[in-house]
């Protein structure tokens, strides 16, 4: 998985996923798109004036107090998110809730479902993935990881038992099986779309992007996701380097920084050995510094 502080990962985790709470959530009713804020429990009603001490007025006040008490209860109840309500939350929120078994995931987002996968399999080159989401492949990878971990946690907490499962457990097990199948299908679809014909076409466009006389590549680039645009930029740099090499040749190669560091280290080691009176091979400098007599034949002997 990408790094925690990676900006692309942070943006990809903002992908919305539809979930259903498995129990009422307190003070989260505003997450429901159909929720409407109600008026306060008194509803703007005016308290009746008490002109006298009659029992009728006291009864009205008692009734009003009961209404206020019931109004407070209804007010608190209206701020609860009911169980089974469909809400959309980002992946970074659903990740924790799903691991704690707080919510259920009925289905992946629309642009990762079966219809979209079939369209990608039929013609991935002409698909505009940028309209779906900018981080299509990265968000899909995070989604697949979340779905698989959710299925794993469910199977670990609910081991299979023979003959003792009720209807709700069977339905939840079938939902987990369907979720696991969707995760595997999304994973295969992302891999085939990213490494297939779409990748080849992406690098083909990099060969003609440097020449002003060739076709305009803006129409192609606007259909790419963030990952594909980055790959397009890398291919563009490589194409520019190849074109420069063909025009100007290899030229003179510069000295690598590793070689310069190696030379510096070798020179420093030789200086230390000289100060200690030793050669790099470990022999004494006094022994190595002795002059040897070399006898040469005289000119007359030749």
Protein backbone atom coordinates (compact mmCIF):
# COMPACT_ATOMS: atom_id res chain seq x y z
CA UNK A 1 0.00 0.00 0.00
CA UNK A 2 1.15 3.61 -0.58
CA UNK A 3 2.61 5.73 2.19
CA UNK A 4 0.52 7.34 4.91
CA UNK A 5 1.53 10.87 3.91
CA UNK A 6 1.15 10.33 0.16
CA UNK A 7 -1.09 13.09 -1.21
CA UNK A 8 -2.49 10.84 -3.95
CA UNK A 9 -3.52 8.25 -1.36
CA UNK A 10 -5.22 10.92 0.75
CA UNK A 11 -7.21 12.13 -2.25
CA UNK A 12 -8.05 8.58 -3.36
CA UNK A 13 -9.44 7.73 0.09
CA UNK A 14 -12.03 10.50 -0.38
CA UNK A 15 -13.91 8.17 -2.73
CA UNK A 16 -17.49 7.79 -1.46
CA UNK A 17 -18.83 4.35 -0.64
CA UNK A 18 -22.46 3.48 0.17
CA UNK A 19 -22.88 1.75 3.54
CA UNK A 20 -25.72 0.75 5.88
CA UNK A 21 -25.47 1.11 9.68
CA UNK A 22 -26.13 -2.11 11.58
CA UNK A 23 -27.63 -0.21 14.55
CA UNK A 24 -28.94 3.33 15.15
CA UNK A 25 -26.21 5.96 15.20
CA UNK A 26 -26.73 8.72 17.75
CA UNK A 27 -26.36 12.35 16.60
CA UNK A 28 -25.56 11.32 13.02
CA UNK A 29 -28.95 11.86 11.40
CA UNK A 30 -27.46 14.65 9.29
CA UNK A 31 -25.59 12.00 7.28
CA UNK A 32 -28.89 10.89 5.77
CA UNK A 33 -29.55 12.93 2.59
CA UNK A 34 -33.31 12.71 3.23
CA UNK A 35 -32.99 14.09 6.74
CA UNK A 36 -34.65 17.46 7.34
CA UNK A 37 -33.95 19.50 10.43
CA UNK A 38 -37.05 19.80 12.51
CA UNK A 39 -38.04 22.72 14.61
CA UNK A 40 -37.34 22.75 18.31
CA UNK A 41 -39.57 20.77 20.61
CA UNK A 42 -41.70 23.76 21.58
CA UNK A 43 -42.36 24.56 17.94
CA UNK A 44 -42.46 28.27 18.64
CA UNK A 45 -45.65 27.94 20.69
CA UNK A 46 -46.45 30.59 23.21
CA UNK A 47 -47.00 29.59 26.78
CA UNK A 48 -50.60 30.32 27.86
CA UNK A 49 -50.98 33.10 30.31
CA UNK A 50 -51.98 32.20 33.82
CA UNK A 51 -54.48 34.83 34.89
CA UNK A 52 -55.91 33.05 37.85
CA UNK A 53 -55.30 30.10 40.07
CA UNK A 54 -58.02 27.95 38.56
CA UNK A 55 -57.59 24.26 38.21
CA UNK A 56 -58.22 24.49 34.48
CA UNK A 57 -55.08 26.55 33.98
CA UNK A 58 -53.09 24.19 36.17
CA UNK A 59 -54.27 21.30 34.05
CA UNK A 60 -53.25 23.11 30.89
CA UNK A 61 -49.81 23.72 32.33
CA UNK A 62 -49.48 20.06 33.30
CA UNK A 63 -50.49 19.01 29.79
CA UNK A 64 -48.00 21.46 28.36
CA UNK A 65 -45.25 19.99 30.53
CA UNK A 66 -46.07 16.49 29.31
CA UNK A 67 -46.00 17.68 25.72
CA UNK A 68 -42.64 19.27 26.29
CA UNK A 69 -41.26 16.08 27.79
CA UNK A 70 -42.50 14.01 24.88
CA UNK A 71 -41.18 16.66 22.52
CA UNK A 72 -37.71 16.36 24.01
CA UNK A 73 -37.78 12.61 23.48
CA UNK A 74 -38.89 13.00 19.88
CA UNK A 75 -36.23 15.64 19.36
CA UNK A 76 -33.53 13.29 20.62
CA UNK A 77 -34.96 10.47 18.53
CA UNK A 78 -34.93 12.55 15.36
CA UNK A 79 -31.15 13.01 15.65
CA UNK A 80 -30.55 9.25 15.47
CA UNK A 81 -29.55 7.69 12.17
CA UNK A 82 -31.85 4.66 11.76
CA UNK A 83 -30.51 1.18 11.18
CA UNK A 84 -30.24 0.18 7.51
CA UNK A 85 -30.21 3.73 6.15
CA UNK A 86 -28.10 4.15 3.03
CA UNK A 87 -25.42 6.78 3.51
CA UNK A 88 -22.28 7.64 1.57
CA UNK A 89 -19.03 7.95 3.47
CA UNK A 90 -15.37 8.27 2.33
CA UNK A 91 -13.17 5.20 2.31
CA UNK A 92 -11.03 6.34 5.22
CA UNK A 93 -14.13 6.43 7.46
CA UNK A 94 -15.63 3.18 6.23
CA UNK A 95 -12.32 1.40 6.77
CA UNK A 96 -12.57 1.73 10.55
CA UNK A 97 -16.33 1.23 10.76
CA UNK A 98 -16.22 -1.93 8.66
CA UNK A 99 -13.43 -3.45 10.75
CA UNK A 100 -15.54 -2.86 13.89
CA UNK A 101 -18.62 -4.33 12.19
CA UNK A 102 -20.54 -1.08 12.59
CA UNK A 103 -21.70 -0.88 8.97
CA UNK A 104 -22.42 -3.18 6.08
CA UNK A 105 -21.31 -2.62 2.49
CA UNK A 106 -24.15 -3.50 0.11
CA UNK A 107 -22.24 -2.90 -3.14
CA UNK A 108 -19.18 -1.08 -4.55
CA UNK A 109 -19.54 2.34 -6.23
CA UNK A 110 -21.22 2.47 -9.64
CA UNK A 111 -18.02 2.99 -11.60
CA UNK A 112 -16.62 -0.25 -10.16
CA UNK A 113 -19.67 -2.46 -10.67
CA UNK A 114 -20.26 -5.15 -13.25
CA UNK A 115 -21.54 -2.86 -16.01
CA UNK A 116 -18.47 -0.66 -15.81
CA UNK A 117 -16.19 -3.69 -15.71
CA UNK A 118 -17.80 -5.06 -18.85
CA UNK A 119 -17.32 -1.72 -20.62
CA UNK A 120 -13.66 -1.67 -19.64
CA UNK A 121 -13.21 -5.21 -20.88
CA UNK A 122 -14.90 -4.41 -24.20
CA UNK A 123 -13.09 -1.13 -25.01
CA UNK A 124 -10.75 0.21 -22.36
CA UNK A 125 -8.96 2.62 -24.72
CA UNK A 126 -11.89 4.96 -25.30
CA UNK A 127 -13.10 5.03 -21.70
CA UNK A 128 -12.90 8.42 -19.99
CA UNK A 129 -11.80 7.41 -16.51
CA UNK A 130 -11.16 10.99 -15.44
CA UNK A 131 -14.92 11.64 -15.47
CA UNK A 132 -15.45 8.80 -13.01
CA UNK A 133 -12.70 9.72 -10.57
CA UNK A 134 -9.23 11.24 -10.90
CA UNK A 135 -7.61 8.41 -8.93
CA UNK A 136 -9.50 5.54 -10.54
CA UNK A 137 -6.85 2.84 -10.20
CA UNK A 138 -5.52 3.88 -6.79
CA UNK A 139 -9.00 4.27 -5.31
CA UNK A 140 -9.98 0.92 -6.81
CA UNK A 141 -6.96 -0.74 -5.22
CA UNK A 142 -7.83 0.72 -1.81
CA UNK A 143 -11.46 -0.37 -2.29
CA UNK A 144 -10.45 -3.94 -3.14
CA UNK A 145 -8.24 -4.10 -0.06
CA UNK A 146 -11.09 -2.82 2.12
CA UNK A 147 -13.61 -5.32 0.74
CA UNK A 148 -11.29 -8.28 1.16
CA UNK A 149 -10.42 -7.31 4.74
CA UNK A 150 -14.11 -6.84 5.54
CA UNK A 151 -14.89 -10.35 4.30
CA UNK A 152 -11.95 -11.75 6.25
CA UNK A 153 -13.07 -10.08 9.50
CA UNK A 154 -16.62 -11.37 9.03
CA UNK A 155 -15.47 -14.93 8.46
CA UNK A 156 -13.17 -14.77 11.46
CA UNK A 157 -15.89 -13.47 13.78
CA UNK A 158 -18.61 -15.75 12.37
CA UNK A 159 -17.19 -19.22 11.77
CA UNK A 160 -19.38 -21.65 9.84
CA UNK A 161 -21.52 -23.94 11.96
CA UNK A 162 -23.51 -26.83 10.64
CA UNK A 163 -27.28 -26.51 10.88
CA UNK A 164 -27.38 -23.72 13.46
CA UNK A 165 -27.53 -20.63 11.24
CA UNK A 166 -30.70 -18.59 10.99
CA UNK A 167 -32.02 -16.73 7.97
CA UNK A 168 -30.24 -13.45 8.76
CA UNK A 169 -26.87 -15.19 9.14
CA UNK A 170 -27.37 -16.98 5.84
CA UNK A 171 -28.24 -13.72 4.10
CA UNK A 172 -25.19 -12.00 5.56
CA UNK A 173 -22.95 -14.88 4.49
CA UNK A 174 -24.30 -14.66 0.95
CA UNK A 175 -23.70 -10.91 0.96
CA UNK A 176 -20.09 -11.48 2.03
CA UNK A 177 -19.60 -14.04 -0.74
CA UNK A 178 -20.96 -11.58 -3.28
CA UNK A 179 -18.71 -8.87 -1.87
CA UNK A 180 -15.67 -11.13 -2.14
CA UNK A 181 -16.56 -11.95 -5.75
CA UNK A 182 -16.93 -8.25 -6.58
CA UNK A 183 -13.54 -7.50 -5.02
CA UNK A 184 -11.81 -10.18 -7.09
CA UNK A 185 -13.56 -9.01 -10.25
CA UNK A 186 -12.59 -5.37 -9.62
CA UNK A 187 -8.99 -6.41 -9.02
CA UNK A 188 -8.84 -8.33 -12.29
CA UNK A 189 -10.54 -5.49 -14.19
CA UNK A 190 -8.11 -2.88 -12.86
CA UNK A 191 -5.10 -5.01 -13.74
CA UNK A 192 -6.26 -5.77 -17.28
CA UNK A 193 -7.26 -2.15 -17.93
CA UNK A 194 -4.02 -0.64 -16.62
CA UNK A 195 -1.57 -3.13 -18.16
CA UNK A 196 -3.39 -3.92 -21.40
CA UNK A 197 -4.17 -2.04 -24.60
CA UNK A 198 -4.71 1.20 -22.72
CA UNK A 199 -1.10 1.24 -21.50
CA UNK A 200 0.24 0.51 -25.00
CA UNK A 201 -1.82 3.32 -26.48
CA UNK A 202 -0.66 5.66 -23.73
CA UNK A 203 3.01 5.09 -24.57
CA UNK A 204 2.28 5.27 -28.30
CA UNK A 205 0.99 8.80 -27.83
CA UNK A 206 4.23 9.79 -26.08
CA UNK A 207 6.15 9.20 -29.32
CA UNK A 208 4.15 11.81 -31.21
CA UNK A 209 3.61 14.29 -28.38
CA UNK A 210 7.02 15.98 -28.93
CA UNK A 211 6.44 16.75 -32.59
CA UNK A 212 4.27 19.79 -33.22
CA UNK A 213 3.31 18.45 -36.66
CA UNK A 214 1.70 15.33 -35.20
CA UNK A 215 -1.81 14.95 -33.79
CA UNK A 216 -2.92 16.85 -30.71
CA UNK A 217 -2.71 14.68 -27.60
CA UNK A 218 -4.87 16.87 -25.36
CA UNK A 219 -7.98 14.84 -26.16
CA UNK A 220 -6.19 11.68 -25.07
CA UNK A 221 -4.65 13.14 -21.91
CA UNK A 222 -7.96 14.49 -20.62
CA UNK A 223 -9.30 10.91 -20.47
CA UNK A 224 -6.47 9.60 -18.30
CA UNK A 225 -6.44 9.09 -14.58
CA UNK A 226 -3.75 10.59 -12.35
CA UNK A 227 -1.64 7.44 -12.46
CA UNK A 228 -1.85 7.24 -16.25
CA UNK A 229 -0.93 10.91 -16.61
CA UNK A 230 2.15 10.32 -14.52
CA UNK A 231 3.10 7.37 -16.70
CA UNK A 232 2.49 9.53 -19.77
CA UNK A 233 4.90 12.13 -18.38
CA UNK A 234 7.57 9.48 -17.76
CA UNK A 235 7.16 8.17 -21.29
CA UNK A 236 7.37 11.72 -22.63
CA UNK A 237 10.67 12.27 -20.83
CA UNK A 238 12.06 9.01 -22.19
CA UNK A 239 10.98 9.90 -25.73
CA UNK A 240 12.66 13.30 -25.41
CA UNK A 241 15.89 11.68 -24.22
CA UNK A 242 15.90 9.25 -27.16
CA UNK A 243 15.24 12.07 -29.62
CA UNK A 244 18.06 14.14 -28.14
CA UNK A 245 20.43 11.17 -28.37
CA UNK A 246 19.61 10.62 -32.02
CA UNK A 247 20.19 14.27 -32.89
CA UNK A 248 23.31 15.07 -30.87
CA UNK A 249 24.85 11.68 -30.21
CA UNK A 250 26.04 10.29 -26.94
CA UNK A 251 28.56 13.09 -26.25
CA UNK A 252 30.96 13.05 -23.36
CA UNK A 253 29.85 11.09 -20.35
CA UNK A 254 30.12 12.77 -16.99
CA UNK A 255 31.78 11.18 -13.99
CA UNK A 256 29.37 9.50 -11.65
CA UNK A 257 29.03 10.79 -8.12
CA UNK A 258 29.68 7.29 -6.77
CA UNK A 259 33.03 7.21 -8.59
CA UNK A 260 34.00 10.58 -7.14
CA UNK A 261 33.13 9.41 -3.64
CA UNK A 262 35.15 6.23 -4.21
CA UNK A 263 38.19 8.21 -5.30
CA UNK A 264 37.92 10.46 -2.27
CA UNK A 265 37.70 7.48 0.06
CA UNK A 266 40.71 5.82 -1.62
CA UNK A 267 42.81 8.98 -1.41
CA UNK A 268 41.93 9.39 2.25
CA UNK A 269 42.91 5.79 3.00
CA UNK A 270 46.26 6.19 1.24
CA UNK A 271 47.07 9.32 3.24
CA UNK A 272 46.35 7.54 6.51
CA UNK A 273 48.53 4.58 5.51
CA UNK A 274 51.42 6.88 4.56
CA UNK A 275 51.22 8.63 7.90
CA UNK A 276 51.42 5.25 9.65
CA UNK A 277 54.45 4.19 7.61
CA UNK A 278 52.57 1.43 5.79
CA UNK A 279 51.75 0.94 2.16
CA UNK A 280 48.22 0.06 1.09
CA UNK A 281 49.34 -3.59 0.84
CA UNK A 282 50.45 -3.65 4.46
CA UNK A 283 54.22 -3.69 3.87
CA UNK A 284 56.64 -1.36 5.65
CA UNK A 285 57.53 1.85 3.84
CA UNK A 286 61.13 1.48 4.99
CA UNK A 287 61.47 -1.91 3.36
CA UNK A 288 59.81 -0.83 0.20
CA UNK A 289 61.91 2.33 -0.03
CA UNK A 290 65.35 0.55 -0.31
CA UNK A 291 67.24 1.04 -3.57
CA UNK A 292 68.25 -2.06 -5.49
CA UNK A 293 71.41 -2.23 -7.57
CA UNK A 294 70.74 -3.01 -11.19
CA UNK A 295 73.66 -4.31 -13.27
CA UNK A 296 73.60 -3.48 -16.97
CA UNK A 297 75.95 -4.96 -19.57
CA UNK A 298 78.78 -2.75 -20.76
CA UNK A 299 78.79 -1.42 -24.26
CA UNK A 300 82.00 -3.24 -25.14
CA UNK A 301 80.58 -6.65 -24.20
CA UNK A 302 77.77 -6.23 -26.68
